Amino acid sequence: MLLSVIEQTRRKVSERTEAKKKSQLGQFLTPANTASFMAGLFPASSGECRLLDAGAGIGSLTSAFLERCISGNFDFRNIQLKAFELDDSIHNELRYSLSQYVEKCRLSFETIGNDFIEEAVNAIQFQSYDFTHAILNPPYKKIGSTSKHRLLLRQIGIETVNLYSAFVALSIALAAPRGQIVAIIPRSFCNGPYYRQFRDFILAHTALRHIHLFESRSKAFKDDEVLQENIIIRLERDALQDAVTISTSTDDTFTDLATHEYPFDQIVFPDDPERFIHVPKSPAKNAMDSFSAIRYTLADLGLQVSTGPVVDFRLKEHLRDMPEPGAVPLLYPAHFSGHGTTWPIADMKKPNAIAHNADTAKWLYPSGFYCVVRRFSSKEEKRRIMASVVDPDAFDDAPVLGFENHLNLFHADRRGLPQMLARGLAVFLNTTVVDENFRRFNGHTQVNATDLRRMKYPSRNALIELGEWAMWQGKLTQATMDAKLETLTE
């Protein structure tokens, strides 16, 4: 089978390519198993095929698609392929892979070494492409707000922050009506404010047909040690939306593949202005929905959540390694753990304090009780949401506190919370139910203030009850917190 030969080539190319170059290009070649699975998501088709492979690498994805033609799953009169690949060092491998299928699949192909975004924007403006199929593993790299790519995309009304989402949006724009797009991309677009416009674009122009979730974050591109959580999606251009197929597997062997169908309103909630895309792992009801007590918004509670305002590199001249006269505590995630607050921390790589003066005052909060949540968790940690309580007694008589940008903090109009409310909020956020609910729509290790803002919470009284209970417990365990949540009735 030609795919096995191409897979051997992929491994060799991946091994010889420096990690720095992979990072610069955002290039991670698709393993054969994943390529075959992606090709298998396309519905059976006939007639003429105009195929796009944007970021073709050595041709793994297109080869998997063409293998389906050989097997008789497709019945195309001919296939016209445009394969874009910016890295000219692998063009020989790409052309060799594709040439093996010319006679077998009535294939004509063009390998294009130009920038896909530039070419696509030009083509869209002149309406020169109408692909029936697109299969892609796009590059993963941020796009600067003033970069050439960002300006090009704006010319055609696409606003996005990463190459991967730009490639998908362009593939949609280049597709013919009812055109099929299959892509493997990071899950990060499913939620958060940065990809809101991209989600709007997808949902306005396509029907979401299939989402595949890898339950192990590290297995989709394990050869390249990619730890970004990836999903595979199939979209259909200008089609009516109906039920969505969700499949899961632990890794790219697909040996434990499970598939279920969900109404679209369980994937994108009708009343959600942010248009978050949820990826349920099983048909079981979301555990949080079974708690009638969890139904309040932060606005109902009179609370707000904000990202820590102190961006250290912008206030560098005001930072202090350790406390000193005229300086106040500056709190980082490292100051919080399951054992409470440790401040200051000697020999910490980050400063422990910030000068309190006219230049910093607007970034600081009055001393008091707060609940903080780390914005980032590491890949090794079991939980996404990790909440802690800020106890003002840990900071002597500091009049104000600084919260660094890697923390989210719950507050009441920029002031502290009643102690028991802060403690109860931390208990609630640290329960398994909250973590599992959060994972349904959040596919990366970042916890944005927007994500916390749209969650539902118990009532203010119930949170205070949780806080009072926690004060008498001594050391809290996951089991005791989860069990206590079950008792909430309000």
Protein backbone atom coordinates (compact mmCIF):
# COMPACT_ATOMS: atom_id res chain seq x y z
CA MET A 1 0.00 0.00 0.00
CA LEU A 2 1.42 3.37 -1.00
CA LEU A 3 0.34 4.96 2.27
CA SER A 4 2.81 2.84 4.23
CA VAL A 5 5.64 4.07 2.00
CA ILE A 6 4.50 7.67 2.45
CA GLU A 7 4.32 7.13 6.21
CA GLN A 8 7.95 5.98 6.23
CA THR A 9 8.86 9.12 4.30
CA ARG A 10 6.92 11.27 6.77
CA ARG A 11 8.87 9.85 9.69
CA LYS A 12 12.18 10.48 7.95
CA VAL A 13 11.25 14.04 7.02
CA SER A 14 9.98 14.72 10.55
CA GLU A 15 13.19 13.38 12.09
CA ARG A 16 15.46 15.43 9.84
CA THR A 17 13.52 18.68 10.25
CA GLU A 18 14.77 20.81 13.12
CA ALA A 19 12.29 21.70 15.85
CA LYS A 20 13.03 25.40 15.23
CA LYS A 21 11.96 25.09 11.59
CA LYS A 22 8.80 23.19 12.55
CA SER A 23 7.94 25.98 14.95
CA GLN A 24 8.69 28.72 12.39
CA LEU A 25 6.45 27.10 9.79
CA GLY A 26 3.92 25.71 12.27
CA GLN A 27 4.48 22.48 10.34
CA PHE A 28 3.62 19.06 11.78
CA LEU A 29 3.09 16.31 9.21
CA THR A 30 0.00 14.11 9.49
CA PRO A 31 0.51 10.46 10.58
CA ALA A 32 -0.96 7.82 8.23
CA ASN A 33 -3.64 6.55 10.64
CA THR A 34 -4.98 10.05 11.17
CA ALA A 35 -4.84 10.83 7.45
CA SER A 36 -6.87 7.69 6.64
CA PHE A 37 -9.44 8.51 9.31
CA MET A 38 -9.82 12.05 7.97
CA ALA A 39 -10.24 10.84 4.40
CA GLY A 40 -12.87 8.39 5.63
CA LEU A 41 -15.06 11.23 6.92
CA PHE A 42 -15.96 12.45 3.43
CA PRO A 43 -19.31 11.15 2.20
CA ALA A 44 -19.32 8.91 -0.89
CA SER A 45 -19.12 11.11 -3.99
CA SER A 46 -19.11 10.95 -7.78
CA GLY A 47 -18.70 13.28 -10.74
CA GLU A 48 -15.78 15.68 -10.91
CA CYS A 49 -13.58 16.32 -7.93
CA ARG A 50 -11.71 19.59 -7.43
CA LEU A 51 -9.53 18.93 -4.40
CA LEU A 52 -7.62 21.41 -2.23
CA ASP A 53 -4.80 20.40 0.11
CA ALA A 54 -3.60 23.58 1.84
CA GLY A 55 -0.34 22.86 3.62
CA ALA A 56 0.17 19.52 1.87
CA GLY A 57 3.46 18.50 3.45
CA ILE A 58 4.60 15.33 1.70
CA GLY A 59 1.07 14.50 0.54
CA SER A 60 -0.14 12.23 3.36
CA LEU A 61 -3.67 13.62 3.47
CA THR A 62 -4.24 13.70 -0.28
CA SER A 63 -2.78 10.20 -0.61
CA ALA A 64 -5.27 8.92 1.97
CA PHE A 65 -8.06 10.62 0.03
CA LEU A 66 -6.87 9.02 -3.22
CA GLU A 67 -6.68 5.59 -1.58
CA ARG A 68 -10.45 5.87 -1.11
CA CYS A 69 -10.76 6.35 -4.87
CA ILE A 70 -8.75 3.20 -5.49
CA SER A 71 -10.94 1.26 -3.05
CA GLY A 72 -14.05 2.28 -5.01
CA ASN A 73 -15.49 4.47 -2.26
CA PHE A 74 -15.44 7.46 -4.60
CA ASP A 75 -16.53 7.38 -8.23
CA PHE A 76 -14.96 10.48 -9.72
CA ARG A 77 -14.61 10.98 -13.47
CA ASN A 78 -11.39 12.85 -12.72
CA ILE A 79 -9.65 14.59 -9.86
CA GLN A 80 -8.03 18.01 -10.19
CA LEU A 81 -5.76 18.74 -7.23
CA LYS A 82 -4.10 21.92 -6.04
CA ALA A 83 -1.55 21.15 -3.31
CA PHE A 84 -0.02 24.12 -1.52
CA GLU A 85 3.25 23.67 0.37
CA LEU A 86 5.47 26.59 1.34
CA ASP A 87 8.44 24.43 2.39
CA ASP A 88 10.27 23.78 -0.89
CA SER A 89 12.65 21.33 0.83
CA ILE A 90 9.90 18.67 0.73
CA HIS A 91 8.46 19.41 -2.72
CA ASN A 92 10.24 16.42 -4.25
CA GLU A 93 8.64 14.07 -1.72
CA LEU A 94 5.25 15.71 -2.29
CA ARG A 95 5.42 15.40 -6.08
CA TYR A 96 6.62 11.80 -5.84
CA SER A 97 3.73 10.86 -3.52
CA LEU A 98 1.13 12.40 -5.81
CA SER A 99 2.63 11.03 -9.02
CA GLN A 100 1.93 7.48 -7.83
CA TYR A 101 -1.81 8.12 -8.19
CA VAL A 102 -1.98 9.86 -11.56
CA GLU A 103 -3.07 6.83 -13.57
CA LYS A 104 -4.83 4.98 -10.75
CA CYS A 105 -7.23 7.85 -10.00
CA ARG A 106 -7.35 9.90 -13.21
CA LEU A 107 -5.50 12.56 -11.24
CA SER A 108 -4.04 15.81 -12.49
CA PHE A 109 -2.21 17.88 -9.91
CA GLU A 110 -0.39 21.12 -9.36
CA THR A 111 2.03 21.67 -6.47
CA ILE A 112 2.18 25.33 -5.50
CA GLY A 113 5.02 26.76 -3.41
CA ASN A 114 3.50 30.21 -2.99
CA ASP A 115 1.97 31.55 0.21
CA PHE A 116 -1.50 29.99 0.51
CA ILE A 117 -3.04 33.03 2.19
CA GLU A 118 -1.88 35.40 -0.56
CA GLU A 119 -2.99 33.03 -3.32
CA ALA A 120 -6.34 32.33 -1.68
CA VAL A 121 -7.18 35.99 -1.04
CA ASN A 122 -6.45 36.79 -4.69
CA ALA A 123 -8.52 33.83 -5.87
CA ILE A 124 -11.48 34.79 -3.67
CA GLN A 125 -11.43 38.36 -4.93
CA PHE A 126 -11.54 37.11 -8.53
CA GLN A 127 -13.80 34.08 -7.76
CA SER A 128 -11.48 31.71 -9.58
CA TYR A 129 -11.75 28.57 -7.40
CA ASP A 130 -14.70 26.38 -6.43
CA PHE A 131 -13.31 23.29 -4.73
CA THR A 132 -15.65 20.35 -4.14
CA HIS A 133 -13.36 18.89 -1.46
CA ALA A 134 -10.67 20.23 0.85
CA ILE A 135 -8.52 18.22 3.24
CA LEU A 136 -6.02 20.00 5.42
CA ASN A 137 -3.67 19.97 8.36
CA PRO A 138 -2.96 23.70 8.47
CA PRO A 139 0.03 25.34 10.15
CA TYR A 140 -0.36 26.43 13.77
CA LYS A 141 1.15 29.87 14.41
CA LYS A 142 -0.14 33.20 15.67
CA ILE A 143 -0.81 36.03 13.23
CA GLY A 144 0.31 39.48 14.34
CA SER A 145 -2.37 42.16 14.43
CA THR A 146 -0.46 44.33 11.93
CA SER A 147 1.12 41.54 9.87
CA LYS A 148 0.76 41.14 6.12
CA HIS A 149 -1.42 38.07 6.59
CA ARG A 150 -3.81 39.89 8.93
CA LEU A 151 -4.17 42.77 6.47
CA LEU A 152 -4.73 40.41 3.53
CA LEU A 153 -7.44 38.50 5.40
CA ARG A 154 -9.22 41.72 6.33
CA GLN A 155 -9.55 42.54 2.63
CA ILE A 156 -12.04 39.69 2.32
CA GLY A 157 -13.71 40.09 5.71
CA ILE A 158 -11.87 37.38 7.64
CA GLU A 159 -10.63 38.38 11.09
CA THR A 160 -8.66 35.73 12.98
CA VAL A 161 -5.54 35.32 15.09
CA ASN A 162 -3.86 32.10 13.93
CA LEU A 163 -2.73 30.54 10.67
CA TYR A 164 -4.78 27.41 11.29
CA SER A 165 -8.07 29.28 11.53
CA ALA A 166 -7.11 31.45 8.55
CA PHE A 167 -6.48 28.35 6.43
CA VAL A 168 -9.84 26.85 7.38
CA ALA A 169 -11.73 30.10 6.76
CA LEU A 170 -10.07 30.49 3.36
CA SER A 171 -10.83 26.87 2.45
CA ILE A 172 -14.48 27.52 3.26
CA ALA A 173 -14.48 30.69 1.17
CA LEU A 174 -12.91 28.81 -1.77
CA ALA A 175 -15.37 25.90 -1.62
CA ALA A 176 -18.28 25.36 -3.98
CA PRO A 177 -21.81 25.09 -2.55
CA ARG A 178 -22.09 21.74 -0.72
CA GLY A 179 -18.28 21.52 -0.82
CA GLN A 180 -16.79 19.28 1.88
CA ILE A 181 -13.96 20.44 4.17
CA VAL A 182 -12.14 18.08 6.55
CA ALA A 183 -9.40 19.52 8.77
CA ILE A 184 -7.38 18.60 11.83
CA ILE A 185 -6.94 21.71 13.95
CA PRO A 186 -6.41 22.77 17.58
CA ARG A 187 -9.53 22.78 19.69
CA SER A 188 -8.80 26.27 20.99
CA PHE A 189 -11.21 27.92 18.52
CA CYS A 190 -14.21 26.31 20.23
CA ASN A 191 -14.34 28.94 22.96
CA GLY A 192 -12.85 32.21 24.15
CA PRO A 193 -13.04 35.74 22.74
CA TYR A 194 -10.11 35.54 20.31
CA TYR A 195 -11.85 33.06 18.00
CA ARG A 196 -15.36 34.51 18.28
CA GLN A 197 -15.31 35.95 14.74
CA PHE A 198 -13.89 32.71 13.35
CA ARG A 199 -16.71 30.73 14.99
CA ASP A 200 -19.21 33.17 13.54
CA PHE A 201 -17.65 32.70 10.09
CA ILE A 202 -17.81 28.90 10.28
CA LEU A 203 -21.38 28.81 11.53
CA ALA A 204 -22.56 31.39 9.00
CA HIS A 205 -21.11 29.65 5.94
CA THR A 206 -21.12 25.93 6.74
CA ALA A 207 -23.01 23.15 8.45
CA LEU A 208 -21.00 21.39 11.14
CA ARG A 209 -21.25 17.70 10.28
CA HIS A 210 -18.65 15.83 12.35
CA ILE A 211 -16.22 16.50 15.20
CA HIS A 212 -13.66 13.94 16.33
CA LEU A 213 -11.98 14.41 19.68
CA PHE A 214 -8.71 12.78 20.77
CA GLU A 215 -9.06 12.21 24.50
CA SER A 216 -5.28 12.16 24.93
CA ARG A 217 -3.91 15.64 24.26
CA SER A 218 -0.45 14.37 23.24
CA LYS A 219 -1.26 11.52 20.85
CA ALA A 220 -2.43 13.13 17.58
CA PHE A 221 1.10 14.27 16.67
CA LYS A 222 3.08 12.26 19.18
CA ASP A 223 6.16 11.96 16.94
CA ASP A 224 6.55 15.73 17.10
CA GLU A 225 5.65 16.00 20.81
CA VAL A 226 2.76 18.36 20.06
CA LEU A 227 0.72 18.88 23.22
CA GLN A 228 -2.02 21.09 21.79
CA GLU A 229 -5.37 19.32 21.98
CA ASN A 230 -6.54 18.64 18.43
CA ILE A 231 -9.87 17.82 16.88
CA ILE A 232 -10.91 16.78 13.39
CA ILE A 233 -13.89 18.55 11.87
CA ARG A 234 -15.97 18.06 8.74
CA LEU A 235 -17.84 21.07 7.41
CA GLU A 236 -20.24 21.40 4.47
CA ARG A 237 -20.44 24.71 2.64
CA ASP A 238 -23.85 26.44 2.36
CA ALA A 239 -25.79 23.49 3.76
CA LEU A 240 -28.64 23.29 6.27
CA GLN A 241 -27.51 22.44 9.78
CA ASP A 242 -28.93 19.33 11.42
CA ALA A 243 -27.58 16.81 13.93
CA VAL A 244 -23.81 16.64 14.51
CA THR A 245 -21.80 13.44 14.76
CA ILE A 246 -19.29 13.40 17.61
CA SER A 247 -16.67 10.67 17.74
CA THR A 248 -13.90 10.09 20.27
CA SER A 249 -10.81 7.95 20.54
CA THR A 250 -7.99 7.87 23.01
CA ASP A 251 -5.35 8.22 20.32
CA ASP A 252 -4.63 7.88 16.61
CA THR A 253 -4.98 4.10 16.58
CA PHE A 254 -8.78 4.64 16.75
CA THR A 255 -9.10 1.21 18.38
CA ASP A 256 -11.65 2.49 20.90
CA LEU A 257 -13.58 4.70 18.51
CA ALA A 258 -16.99 5.69 19.86
CA THR A 259 -19.55 7.62 17.83
CA HIS A 260 -22.76 9.40 18.85
CA GLU A 261 -25.12 11.91 17.28
CA TYR A 262 -26.28 15.12 18.99
CA PRO A 263 -28.82 17.81 18.19
CA PHE A 264 -27.06 20.97 17.09
CA ASP A 265 -28.46 22.90 20.06
CA GLN A 266 -26.36 20.69 22.35
CA ILE A 267 -23.23 21.67 20.43
CA VAL A 268 -23.91 25.41 20.11
CA PHE A 269 -26.38 26.62 22.70
CA PRO A 270 -29.09 28.82 21.12
CA ASP A 271 -28.89 31.47 23.86
CA ASP A 272 -25.09 31.72 23.89
CA PRO A 273 -23.96 35.03 22.34
CA GLU A 274 -20.34 33.83 22.33
CA ARG A 275 -21.24 30.83 20.10
CA PHE A 276 -19.04 28.40 22.04
CA ILE A 277 -18.78 24.97 20.39
CA HIS A 278 -19.26 22.14 22.89
CA VAL A 279 -17.85 18.69 22.28
CA PRO A 280 -19.64 16.21 24.58
CA LYS A 281 -17.73 12.98 25.14
CA SER A 282 -20.79 10.82 25.75
CA PRO A 283 -24.57 11.08 25.47
CA ALA A 284 -24.76 11.23 29.25
CA LYS A 285 -26.35 14.42 30.49
CA ASN A 286 -23.97 17.18 31.55
CA ALA A 287 -23.57 16.60 35.30
CA MET A 288 -23.96 20.28 36.12
CA ASP A 289 -27.40 20.32 34.49
CA SER A 290 -28.63 17.91 37.17
CA PHE A 291 -27.96 20.46 39.93
CA SER A 292 -30.98 22.71 40.12
CA ALA A 293 -29.09 24.87 42.65
CA ILE A 294 -26.50 25.83 40.03
CA ARG A 295 -28.44 28.34 37.97
CA TYR A 296 -27.17 31.83 38.79
CA THR A 297 -24.97 34.17 36.79
CA LEU A 298 -22.19 36.25 38.30
CA ALA A 299 -24.39 39.29 37.71
CA ASP A 300 -27.09 37.65 39.83
CA LEU A 301 -24.49 37.28 42.60
CA GLY A 302 -23.24 40.85 42.30
CA LEU A 303 -19.77 39.62 41.36
CA GLN A 304 -17.33 40.16 38.53
CA VAL A 305 -14.33 38.24 37.25
CA SER A 306 -11.36 39.93 35.60
CA THR A 307 -7.94 39.00 34.32
CA GLY A 308 -5.15 40.15 36.61
CA PRO A 309 -4.22 43.65 35.38
CA VAL A 310 -0.50 43.65 36.17
CA VAL A 311 1.48 42.78 33.03
CA ASP A 312 4.94 42.55 34.57
CA PHE A 313 7.10 43.40 31.56
CA ARG A 314 5.15 46.65 31.06
CA LEU A 315 5.79 47.71 34.66
CA LYS A 316 9.34 46.38 34.91
CA GLU A 317 10.83 49.44 36.61
CA HIS A 318 8.29 49.13 39.45
CA LEU A 319 8.85 45.43 40.23
CA ARG A 320 10.68 44.31 43.37
CA ASP A 321 12.15 40.86 44.03
CA MET A 322 11.19 40.95 47.71
CA PRO A 323 9.01 43.16 49.95
CA GLU A 324 10.47 46.53 50.86
CA PRO A 325 9.15 49.88 52.17
CA GLY A 326 6.84 51.48 49.62
CA ALA A 327 6.10 48.18 47.86
CA VAL A 328 3.04 45.89 48.10
CA PRO A 329 2.49 42.18 47.34
CA LEU A 330 2.42 41.13 43.68
CA LEU A 331 0.71 37.75 43.37
CA TYR A 332 1.49 35.12 40.74
CA PRO A 333 0.03 31.59 40.34
CA ALA A 334 3.16 30.24 42.04
CA HIS A 335 2.08 31.89 45.28
CA PHE A 336 -1.00 29.63 45.46
CA SER A 337 -1.21 25.89 45.96
CA GLY A 338 -3.48 23.31 47.54
CA HIS A 339 -1.80 24.16 50.83
CA GLY A 340 -2.81 27.82 50.76
CA THR A 341 -0.89 31.01 50.05
CA THR A 342 2.91 31.24 50.32
CA TRP A 343 4.22 34.79 50.11
CA PRO A 344 6.88 35.95 49.67
CA ILE A 345 8.86 33.13 48.04
CA ALA A 346 12.60 33.62 48.20
CA ASP A 347 14.60 32.88 45.02
CA MET A 348 11.43 32.83 42.93
CA LYS A 349 12.11 33.69 39.29
CA LYS A 350 9.32 36.25 39.44
CA PRO A 351 9.13 39.36 41.67
CA ASN A 352 7.19 39.21 44.92
CA ALA A 353 6.27 42.88 45.13
CA ILE A 354 5.47 46.00 43.16
CA ALA A 355 6.05 49.62 44.09
CA HIS A 356 2.91 51.43 45.23
CA ASN A 357 2.92 54.82 43.56
CA ALA A 358 1.01 57.05 41.15
CA ASP A 359 2.12 54.98 38.14
CA THR A 360 0.92 51.63 39.54
CA ALA A 361 -2.09 52.60 41.66
CA LYS A 362 -4.66 52.03 38.91
CA TRP A 363 -3.49 48.41 38.47
CA LEU A 364 -3.87 47.48 42.17
CA TYR A 365 -6.85 46.20 44.19
CA PRO A 366 -7.73 47.07 47.81
CA SER A 367 -6.57 44.43 50.27
CA GLY A 368 -9.28 41.89 51.05
CA PHE A 369 -10.53 38.37 50.40
CA TYR A 370 -10.62 37.34 46.74
CA CYS A 371 -11.00 34.09 44.84
CA VAL A 372 -8.37 33.59 42.13
CA VAL A 373 -8.15 31.06 39.31
CA ARG A 374 -5.03 30.29 37.33
CA ARG A 375 -5.32 31.23 33.67
CA PHE A 376 -3.03 28.37 32.62
CA SER A 377 -2.68 24.78 33.79
CA SER A 378 0.18 22.52 32.80
CA LYS A 379 -0.34 19.38 30.75
CA GLU A 380 0.44 17.20 33.77
CA GLU A 381 -2.31 18.64 35.96
CA LYS A 382 -5.59 16.76 36.15
CA ARG A 383 -7.71 19.87 36.60
CA ARG A 384 -8.27 22.80 34.27
CA ILE A 385 -9.83 25.09 36.87
CA MET A 386 -7.74 25.56 39.99
CA ALA A 387 -9.13 28.11 42.44
CA SER A 388 -7.54 29.57 45.57
CA VAL A 389 -8.51 32.08 48.25
CA VAL A 390 -6.58 35.29 48.77
CA ASP A 391 -6.46 35.88 52.54
CA PRO A 392 -5.34 39.43 53.41
CA ASP A 393 -3.85 38.16 56.70
CA ALA A 394 -1.05 36.57 54.64
CA PHE A 395 0.21 40.01 53.60
CA ASP A 396 0.54 41.83 56.93
CA ASP A 397 -0.92 45.34 56.66
CA ALA A 398 -0.59 45.81 52.89
CA PRO A 399 -3.22 48.39 51.82
CA VAL A 400 -3.47 47.09 48.25
CA LEU A 401 -2.54 43.96 46.28
CA GLY A 402 -1.24 43.37 42.78
CA PHE A 403 -2.62 40.49 40.68
CA GLU A 404 -0.43 39.40 37.79
CA ASN A 405 -1.87 38.72 34.35
CA HIS A 406 -1.72 34.91 34.69
CA LEU A 407 -4.48 35.01 37.33
CA ASN A 408 -8.23 35.60 37.02
CA LEU A 409 -9.81 37.13 40.10
CA PHE A 410 -13.37 37.29 41.36
CA HIS A 411 -14.23 40.63 42.98
CA ALA A 412 -17.13 42.95 43.76
CA ASP A 413 -16.70 46.21 41.85
CA ARG A 414 -12.89 45.97 42.23
CA ARG A 415 -13.13 45.29 45.95
CA GLY A 416 -12.75 42.16 48.03
CA LEU A 417 -15.47 39.65 48.88
CA PRO A 418 -16.92 38.56 52.21
CA GLN A 419 -14.56 35.87 53.50
CA MET A 420 -17.07 32.99 53.44
CA LEU A 421 -18.24 33.91 49.94
CA ALA A 422 -14.65 33.84 48.64
CA ARG A 423 -14.02 30.48 50.33
CA GLY A 424 -17.28 28.98 49.09
CA LEU A 425 -16.60 30.15 45.56
CA ALA A 426 -13.20 28.45 45.64
CA VAL A 427 -14.74 25.19 46.88
CA PHE A 428 -17.36 25.25 44.14
CA LEU A 429 -14.86 25.97 41.38
CA ASN A 430 -12.62 23.14 42.56
CA THR A 431 -15.32 20.46 42.29
CA THR A 432 -15.19 17.72 39.67
CA VAL A 433 -18.58 18.76 38.26
CA VAL A 434 -17.26 22.22 37.39
CA ASP A 435 -14.08 20.82 35.87
CA GLU A 436 -15.97 18.32 33.70
CA ASN A 437 -18.45 20.98 32.59
CA PHE A 438 -15.61 23.32 31.68
CA ARG A 439 -13.89 20.66 29.57
CA ARG A 440 -17.02 20.28 27.45
CA PHE A 441 -16.38 23.60 25.77
CA ASN A 442 -12.75 24.37 26.57
CA GLY A 443 -10.12 22.45 24.64
CA HIS A 444 -6.92 24.03 25.83
CA THR A 445 -5.12 24.69 29.09
CA GLN A 446 -6.14 28.35 29.25
CA VAL A 447 -8.99 29.52 31.45
CA ASN A 448 -10.24 32.88 30.24
CA ALA A 449 -12.25 35.34 32.32
CA THR A 450 -14.88 35.09 29.56
CA ASP A 451 -15.21 31.35 30.21
CA LEU A 452 -15.72 31.91 33.94
CA ARG A 453 -18.16 34.75 33.26
CA ARG A 454 -20.54 32.60 31.23
CA MET A 455 -20.69 29.73 33.74
CA LYS A 456 -23.59 29.22 36.13
CA TYR A 457 -23.09 29.26 39.91
CA PRO A 458 -24.97 28.41 43.11
CA SER A 459 -26.70 31.29 44.88
CA ARG A 460 -24.78 33.71 47.07
CA ASN A 461 -26.23 32.10 50.21
CA ALA A 462 -25.28 28.62 49.01
CA LEU A 463 -21.71 29.73 48.32
CA ILE A 464 -21.48 31.29 51.78
CA GLU A 465 -22.75 27.98 53.22
CA LEU A 466 -19.98 26.16 51.33
CA GLY A 467 -17.41 28.59 52.70
CA GLU A 468 -18.58 28.15 56.30
CA TRP A 469 -18.52 24.38 55.86
CA ALA A 470 -14.97 24.54 54.44
CA MET A 471 -13.69 26.50 57.43
CA TRP A 472 -14.58 23.58 59.74
CA GLN A 473 -13.12 20.85 57.55
CA GLY A 474 -9.41 21.40 57.94
CA LYS A 475 -7.84 19.85 54.86
CA LEU A 476 -10.27 19.59 51.96
CA THR A 477 -10.17 16.63 49.58
CA GLN A 478 -11.71 16.20 46.14
CA ALA A 479 -14.10 13.61 47.51
CA THR A 480 -15.36 15.80 50.36
CA MET A 481 -15.86 18.84 48.12
CA ASP A 482 -17.74 16.78 45.53
CA ALA A 483 -19.92 15.18 48.19
CA LYS A 484 -20.76 18.53 49.77
CA LEU A 485 -21.84 19.95 46.41
CA GLU A 486 -24.39 17.13 46.18
CA THR A 487 -26.11 18.50 49.32
CA LEU A 488 -26.85 21.95 47.92
CA THR A 489 -30.59 22.52 47.69
CA GLU A 490 -31.01 26.25 47.15
